[in-house]
Amino acid sequence: MLTRVYSWMNLIGNGFILVGGLGLALGMAGVIDLDTFAFGISAGVRVVGTVAITGCLLSAISCFAREFNNEKS
């Protein structure tokens, strides 16, 4: 059961990486306006980059948890 949760967590993390990376690339190329994602004193690049970083963290946590469970068994 936990391996399925970790697999889904990894898949969701990779999706976040894809969306965030694509958003950053398109924003830097000028295809999309990153100012639409800005709120408060935070720039739009920072907000879109946070999506990619969140994906990296989710994937790293899920990979660590899957490896930890494999060593434990």
PDB file of N, CA and C in Angstrom:
ATOM      1  N   MET A   1       0.821  -1.195   0.000  1.00  0.00           N
ATOM      2  CA  MET A   1       0.000   0.000   0.000  1.00  0.00           C
ATOM      3  C   MET A   1       0.867   1.263   0.000  1.00  0.00           C
ATOM      4  N   LEU A   2       1.887   1.277   0.867  1.00  0.00           N
ATOM      5  CA  LEU A   2       2.747   2.462   0.929  1.00  0.00           C
ATOM      6  C   LEU A   2       3.540   2.662  -0.354  1.00  0.00           C
ATOM      7  N   THR A   3       3.928   1.576  -1.010  1.00  0.00           N
ATOM      8  CA  THR A   3       4.683   1.734  -2.257  1.00  0.00           C
ATOM      9  C   THR A   3       3.836   2.398  -3.326  1.00  0.00           C
ATOM     10  N   ARG A   4       2.529   2.123  -3.311  1.00  0.00           N
ATOM     11  CA  ARG A   4       1.642   2.789  -4.269  1.00  0.00           C
ATOM     12  C   ARG A   4       1.536   4.276  -3.962  1.00  0.00           C
ATOM     13  N   VAL A   5       1.469   4.622  -2.689  1.00  0.00           N
ATOM     14  CA  VAL A   5       1.405   6.035  -2.299  1.00  0.00           C
ATOM     15  C   VAL A   5       2.683   6.748  -2.721  1.00  0.00           C
ATOM     16  N   TYR A   6       3.816   6.105  -2.480  1.00  0.00           N
ATOM     17  CA  TYR A   6       5.092   6.719  -2.852  1.00  0.00           C
ATOM     18  C   TYR A   6       5.242   6.820  -4.368  1.00  0.00           C
ATOM     19  N   SER A   7       4.723   5.851  -5.091  1.00  0.00           N
ATOM     20  CA  SER A   7       4.772   5.924  -6.546  1.00  0.00           C
ATOM     21  C   SER A   7       3.928   7.076  -7.060  1.00  0.00           C
ATOM     22  N   TRP A   8       2.753   7.255  -6.488  1.00  0.00           N
ATOM     23  CA  TRP A   8       1.907   8.378  -6.885  1.00  0.00           C
ATOM     24  C   TRP A   8       2.542   9.713  -6.493  1.00  0.00           C
ATOM     25  N   MET A   9       3.166   9.739  -5.338  1.00  0.00           N
ATOM     26  CA  MET A   9       3.835  10.955  -4.893  1.00  0.00           C
ATOM     27  C   MET A   9       4.969  11.320  -5.852  1.00  0.00           C
ATOM     28  N   ASN A  10       5.694  10.317  -6.314  1.00  0.00           N
ATOM     29  CA  ASN A  10       6.762  10.544  -7.275  1.00  0.00           C
ATOM     30  C   ASN A  10       6.195  11.038  -8.594  1.00  0.00           C
ATOM     31  N   LEU A  11       5.103  10.459  -9.030  1.00  0.00           N
ATOM     32  CA  LEU A  11       4.476  10.867 -10.291  1.00  0.00           C
ATOM     33  C   LEU A  11       3.965  12.304 -10.211  1.00  0.00           C
ATOM     34  N   ILE A  12       3.345  12.650  -9.102  1.00  0.00           N
ATOM     35  CA  ILE A  12       2.852  14.021  -8.911  1.00  0.00           C
ATOM     36  C   ILE A  12       4.030  15.000  -8.863  1.00  0.00           C
ATOM     37  N   GLY A  13       5.103  14.612  -8.176  1.00  0.00           N
ATOM     38  CA  GLY A  13       6.289  15.461  -8.114  1.00  0.00           C
ATOM     39  C   GLY A  13       6.893  15.694  -9.490  1.00  0.00           C
ATOM     40  N   ASN A  14       6.967  14.642 -10.298  1.00  0.00           N
ATOM     41  CA  ASN A  14       7.487  14.795 -11.650  1.00  0.00           C
ATOM     42  C   ASN A  14       6.579  15.675 -12.498  1.00  0.00           C
ATOM     43  N   GLY A  15       5.276  15.595 -12.255  1.00  0.00           N
ATOM     44  CA  GLY A  15       4.341  16.475 -12.964  1.00  0.00           C
ATOM     45  C   GLY A  15       4.563  17.934 -12.594  1.00  0.00           C
ATOM     46  N   PHE A  16       4.782  18.186 -11.300  1.00  0.00           N
ATOM     47  CA  PHE A  16       5.073  19.547 -10.858  1.00  0.00           C
ATOM     48  C   PHE A  16       6.375  20.062 -11.479  1.00  0.00           C
ATOM     49  N   ILE A  17       7.373  19.201 -11.560  1.00  0.00           N
ATOM     50  CA  ILE A  17       8.642  19.596 -12.179  1.00  0.00           C
ATOM     51  C   ILE A  17       8.428  19.963 -13.636  1.00  0.00           C
ATOM     52  N   LEU A  18       7.658  19.150 -14.330  1.00  0.00           N
ATOM     53  CA  LEU A  18       7.383  19.408 -15.744  1.00  0.00           C
ATOM     54  C   LEU A  18       6.637  20.726 -15.939  1.00  0.00           C
ATOM     55  N   VAL A  19       5.585  20.937 -15.153  1.00  0.00           N
ATOM     56  CA  VAL A  19       4.796  22.160 -15.285  1.00  0.00           C
ATOM     57  C   VAL A  19       5.627  23.387 -14.902  1.00  0.00           C
ATOM     58  N   GLY A  20       6.348  23.303 -13.793  1.00  0.00           N
ATOM     59  CA  GLY A  20       7.160  24.433 -13.355  1.00  0.00           C
ATOM     60  C   GLY A  20       8.301  24.742 -14.306  1.00  0.00           C
ATOM     61  N   GLY A  21       8.977  23.699 -14.767  1.00  0.00           N
ATOM     62  CA  GLY A  21      10.075  23.915 -15.712  1.00  0.00           C
ATOM     63  C   GLY A  21       9.600  24.466 -17.038  1.00  0.00           C
ATOM     64  N   LEU A  22       8.483  23.935 -17.525  1.00  0.00           N
ATOM     65  CA  LEU A  22       7.922  24.435 -18.775  1.00  0.00           C
ATOM     66  C   LEU A  22       7.452  25.873 -18.616  1.00  0.00           C
ATOM     67  N   GLY A  23       6.846  26.174 -17.475  1.00  0.00           N
ATOM     68  CA  GLY A  23       6.410  27.546 -17.218  1.00  0.00           C
ATOM     69  C   GLY A  23       7.572  28.516 -17.158  1.00  0.00           C
ATOM     70  N   LEU A  24       8.655  28.096 -16.515  1.00  0.00           N
ATOM     71  CA  LEU A  24       9.838  28.964 -16.456  1.00  0.00           C
ATOM     72  C   LEU A  24      10.461  29.161 -17.832  1.00  0.00           C
ATOM     73  N   ALA A  25      10.546  28.086 -18.602  1.00  0.00           N
ATOM     74  CA  ALA A  25      11.134  28.190 -19.945  1.00  0.00           C
ATOM     75  C   ALA A  25      10.287  29.088 -20.847  1.00  0.00           C
ATOM     76  N   LEU A  26       8.976  28.898 -20.805  1.00  0.00           N
ATOM     77  CA  LEU A  26       8.104  29.738 -21.634  1.00  0.00           C
ATOM     78  C   LEU A  26       8.101  31.185 -21.162  1.00  0.00           C
ATOM     79  N   GLY A  27       8.211  31.390 -19.859  1.00  0.00           N
ATOM     80  CA  GLY A  27       8.270  32.746 -19.325  1.00  0.00           C
ATOM     81  C   GLY A  27       9.548  33.458 -19.707  1.00  0.00           C
ATOM     82  N   MET A  28      10.663  32.757 -19.664  1.00  0.00           N
ATOM     83  CA  MET A  28      11.938  33.361 -20.046  1.00  0.00           C
ATOM     84  C   MET A  28      12.008  33.629 -21.551  1.00  0.00           C
ATOM     85  N   ALA A  29      11.307  32.812 -22.338  1.00  0.00           N
ATOM     86  CA  ALA A  29      11.274  33.012 -23.784  1.00  0.00           C
ATOM     87  C   ALA A  29      10.300  34.121 -24.177  1.00  0.00           C
ATOM     88  N   GLY A  30       9.465  34.545 -23.242  1.00  0.00           N
ATOM     89  CA  GLY A  30       8.532  35.626 -23.516  1.00  0.00           C
ATOM     90  C   GLY A  30       7.198  35.153 -24.074  1.00  0.00           C
ATOM     91  N   VAL A  31       6.967  33.853 -24.069  1.00  0.00           N
ATOM     92  CA  VAL A  31       5.709  33.327 -24.596  1.00  0.00           C
ATOM     93  C   VAL A  31       4.555  33.613 -23.642  1.00  0.00           C
ATOM     94  N   ILE A  32       4.796  33.448 -22.344  1.00  0.00           N
ATOM     95  CA  ILE A  32       3.788  33.785 -21.343  1.00  0.00           C
ATOM     96  C   ILE A  32       4.322  34.914 -20.472  1.00  0.00           C
ATOM     97  N   ASP A  33       3.403  35.668 -19.909  1.00  0.00           N
ATOM     98  CA  ASP A  33       3.770  36.784 -19.043  1.00  0.00           C
ATOM     99  C   ASP A  33       3.808  36.290 -17.600  1.00  0.00           C
ATOM    100  N   LEU A  34       4.981  36.281 -17.014  1.00  0.00           N
ATOM    101  CA  LEU A  34       5.134  35.789 -15.646  1.00  0.00           C
ATOM    102  C   LEU A  34       4.589  36.758 -14.604  1.00  0.00           C
ATOM    103  N   ASP A  35       4.319  37.998 -15.000  1.00  0.00           N
ATOM    104  CA  ASP A  35       3.765  38.961 -14.048  1.00  0.00           C
ATOM    105  C   ASP A  35       2.351  38.600 -13.632  1.00  0.00           C
ATOM    106  N   THR A  36       1.668  37.757 -14.407  1.00  0.00           N
ATOM    107  CA  THR A  36       0.319  37.340 -14.013  1.00  0.00           C
ATOM    108  C   THR A  36       0.351  36.437 -12.785  1.00  0.00           C
ATOM    109  N   PHE A  37       1.494  35.806 -12.510  1.00  0.00           N
ATOM    110  CA  PHE A  37       1.630  34.926 -11.359  1.00  0.00           C
ATOM    111  C   PHE A  37       2.162  35.664 -10.130  1.00  0.00           C
ATOM    112  N   ALA A  38       2.497  36.923 -10.272  1.00  0.00           N
ATOM    113  CA  ALA A  38       3.048  37.700  -9.156  1.00  0.00           C
ATOM    114  C   ALA A  38       1.940  38.132  -8.206  1.00  0.00           C
ATOM    115  N   PHE A  39       2.218  38.064  -6.917  1.00  0.00           N
ATOM    116  CA  PHE A  39       1.303  38.602  -5.911  1.00  0.00           C
ATOM    117  C   PHE A  39       2.126  39.154  -4.770  1.00  0.00           C
ATOM    118  N   GLY A  40       1.641  40.235  -4.205  1.00  0.00           N
ATOM    119  CA  GLY A  40       2.371  40.888  -3.122  1.00  0.00           C
ATOM    120  C   GLY A  40       3.709  41.405  -3.623  1.00  0.00           C
ATOM    121  N   ILE A  41       4.744  41.130  -2.854  1.00  0.00           N
ATOM    122  CA  ILE A  41       6.076  41.573  -3.269  1.00  0.00           C
ATOM    123  C   ILE A  41       6.856  40.440  -3.940  1.00  0.00           C
ATOM    124  N   SER A  42       6.189  39.313  -4.206  1.00  0.00           N
ATOM    125  CA  SER A  42       6.839  38.159  -4.812  1.00  0.00           C
ATOM    126  C   SER A  42       6.719  38.236  -6.334  1.00  0.00           C
ATOM    127  N   ALA A  43       7.822  38.017  -7.007  1.00  0.00           N
ATOM    128  CA  ALA A  43       7.828  38.060  -8.468  1.00  0.00           C
ATOM    129  C   ALA A  43       7.204  36.787  -9.030  1.00  0.00           C
ATOM    130  N   GLY A  44       6.725  36.870 -10.260  1.00  0.00           N
ATOM    131  CA  GLY A  44       6.101  35.729 -10.907  1.00  0.00           C
ATOM    132  C   GLY A  44       7.061  34.581 -11.141  1.00  0.00           C
ATOM    133  N   VAL A  45       8.322  34.914 -11.408  1.00  0.00           N
ATOM    134  CA  VAL A  45       9.328  33.866 -11.619  1.00  0.00           C
ATOM    135  C   VAL A  45       9.495  33.045 -10.352  1.00  0.00           C
ATOM    136  N   ARG A  46       9.469  33.690  -9.231  1.00  0.00           N
ATOM    137  CA  ARG A  46       9.633  33.005  -7.954  1.00  0.00           C
ATOM    138  C   ARG A  46       8.470  32.056  -7.681  1.00  0.00           C
ATOM    139  N   VAL A  47       7.266  32.470  -8.032  1.00  0.00           N
ATOM    140  CA  VAL A  47       6.088  31.641  -7.800  1.00  0.00           C
ATOM    141  C   VAL A  47       6.114  30.412  -8.710  1.00  0.00           C
ATOM    142  N   VAL A  48       6.425  30.601  -9.978  1.00  0.00           N
ATOM    143  CA  VAL A  48       6.484  29.474 -10.912  1.00  0.00           C
ATOM    144  C   VAL A  48       7.651  28.555 -10.554  1.00  0.00           C
ATOM    145  N   GLY A  49       8.756  29.112 -10.129  1.00  0.00           N
ATOM    146  CA  GLY A  49       9.895  28.308  -9.700  1.00  0.00           C
ATOM    147  C   GLY A  49       9.587  27.483  -8.468  1.00  0.00           C
ATOM    148  N   THR A  50       8.727  28.005  -7.606  1.00  0.00           N
ATOM    149  CA  THR A  50       8.331  27.271  -6.411  1.00  0.00           C
ATOM    150  C   THR A  50       7.594  25.987  -6.769  1.00  0.00           C
ATOM    151  N   VAL A  51       6.837  26.001  -7.852  1.00  0.00           N
ATOM    152  CA  VAL A  51       6.138  24.794  -8.299  1.00  0.00           C
ATOM    153  C   VAL A  51       7.157  23.713  -8.664  1.00  0.00           C
ATOM    154  N   ALA A  52       8.190  24.090  -9.396  1.00  0.00           N
ATOM    155  CA  ALA A  52       9.232  23.125  -9.779  1.00  0.00           C
ATOM    156  C   ALA A  52       9.997  22.619  -8.558  1.00  0.00           C
ATOM    157  N   ILE A  53      10.296  23.483  -7.628  1.00  0.00           N
ATOM    158  CA  ILE A  53      11.018  23.074  -6.425  1.00  0.00           C
ATOM    159  C   ILE A  53      10.163  22.145  -5.573  1.00  0.00           C
ATOM    160  N   THR A  54       8.873  22.425  -5.496  1.00  0.00           N
ATOM    161  CA  THR A  54       7.962  21.545  -4.770  1.00  0.00           C
ATOM    162  C   THR A  54       7.952  20.156  -5.388  1.00  0.00           C
ATOM    163  N   GLY A  55       7.969  20.095  -6.703  1.00  0.00           N
ATOM    164  CA  GLY A  55       8.028  18.810  -7.386  1.00  0.00           C
ATOM    165  C   GLY A  55       9.306  18.060  -7.084  1.00  0.00           C
ATOM    166  N   CYS A  56      10.409  18.777  -7.042  1.00  0.00           N
ATOM    167  CA  CYS A  56      11.690  18.146  -6.705  1.00  0.00           C
ATOM    168  C   CYS A  56      11.664  17.576  -5.290  1.00  0.00           C
ATOM    169  N   LEU A  57      11.099  18.321  -4.362  1.00  0.00           N
ATOM    170  CA  LEU A  57      11.033  17.851  -2.982  1.00  0.00           C
ATOM    171  C   LEU A  57      10.112  16.639  -2.843  1.00  0.00           C
ATOM    172  N   LEU A  58       8.964  16.666  -3.509  1.00  0.00           N
ATOM    173  CA  LEU A  58       8.058  15.520  -3.451  1.00  0.00           C
ATOM    174  C   LEU A  58       8.717  14.269  -4.012  1.00  0.00           C
ATOM    175  N   SER A  59       9.391  14.408  -5.136  1.00  0.00           N
ATOM    176  CA  SER A  59      10.066  13.255  -5.734  1.00  0.00           C
ATOM    177  C   SER A  59      11.192  12.743  -4.842  1.00  0.00           C
ATOM    178  N   ALA A  60      11.948  13.642  -4.254  1.00  0.00           N
ATOM    179  CA  ALA A  60      13.045  13.226  -3.384  1.00  0.00           C
ATOM    180  C   ALA A  60      12.527  12.509  -2.140  1.00  0.00           C
ATOM    181  N   ILE A  61      11.462  13.022  -1.556  1.00  0.00           N
ATOM    182  CA  ILE A  61      10.890  12.382  -0.373  1.00  0.00           C
ATOM    183  C   ILE A  61      10.368  10.995  -0.718  1.00  0.00           C
ATOM    184  N   SER A  62       9.678  10.881  -1.848  1.00  0.00           N
ATOM    185  CA  SER A  62       9.118   9.577  -2.211  1.00  0.00           C
ATOM    186  C   SER A  62      10.214   8.569  -2.545  1.00  0.00           C
ATOM    187  N   CYS A  63      11.265   9.004  -3.213  1.00  0.00           N
ATOM    188  CA  CYS A  63      12.371   8.086  -3.521  1.00  0.00           C
ATOM    189  C   CYS A  63      13.075   7.638  -2.244  1.00  0.00           C
ATOM    190  N   PHE A  64      13.286   8.560  -1.301  1.00  0.00           N
ATOM    191  CA  PHE A  64      13.901   8.191  -0.031  1.00  0.00           C
ATOM    192  C   PHE A  64      13.028   7.199   0.732  1.00  0.00           C
ATOM    193  N   ALA A  65      11.726   7.454   0.765  1.00  0.00           N
ATOM    194  CA  ALA A  65      10.823   6.580   1.513  1.00  0.00           C
ATOM    195  C   ALA A  65      10.760   5.190   0.886  1.00  0.00           C
ATOM    196  N   ARG A  66      10.746   5.118  -0.440  1.00  0.00           N
ATOM    197  CA  ARG A  66      10.722   3.807  -1.100  1.00  0.00           C
ATOM    198  C   ARG A  66      12.013   3.047  -0.833  1.00  0.00           C
ATOM    199  N   GLU A  67      13.141   3.736  -0.868  1.00  0.00           N
ATOM    200  CA  GLU A  67      14.413   3.078  -0.603  1.00  0.00           C
ATOM    201  C   GLU A  67      14.516   2.649   0.857  1.00  0.00           C
ATOM    202  N   PHE A  68      14.043   3.482   1.770  1.00  0.00           N
ATOM    203  CA  PHE A  68      14.063   3.146   3.192  1.00  0.00           C
ATOM    204  C   PHE A  68      13.212   1.912   3.472  1.00  0.00           C
ATOM    205  N   ASN A  69      12.048   1.826   2.844  1.00  0.00           N
ATOM    206  CA  ASN A  69      11.176   0.671   3.034  1.00  0.00           C
ATOM    207  C   ASN A  69      11.775  -0.596   2.428  1.00  0.00           C
ATOM    208  N   ASN A  70      12.512  -0.473   1.326  1.00  0.00           N
ATOM    209  CA  ASN A  70      13.145  -1.639   0.723  1.00  0.00           C
ATOM    210  C   ASN A  70      14.286  -2.172   1.592  1.00  0.00           C
ATOM    211  N   GLU A  71      15.046  -1.292   2.233  1.00  0.00           N
ATOM    212  CA  GLU A  71      16.140  -1.732   3.101  1.00  0.00           C
ATOM    213  C   GLU A  71      15.604  -2.340   4.386  1.00  0.00           C
ATOM    214  N   LYS A  72      14.459  -1.861   4.845  1.00  0.00           N
ATOM    215  CA  LYS A  72      13.875  -2.318   6.083  1.00  0.00           C
ATOM    216  C   LYS A  72      13.340  -3.759   5.946  1.00  0.00           C
ATOM    217  N   SER A  73      12.860  -4.099   4.790  1.00  0.00           N
ATOM    218  CA  SER A  73      12.262  -5.433   4.575  1.00  0.00           C
ATOM    219  C   SER A  73      13.307  -6.510   4.466  1.00  0.00           C
TER     220      SER A  73
END
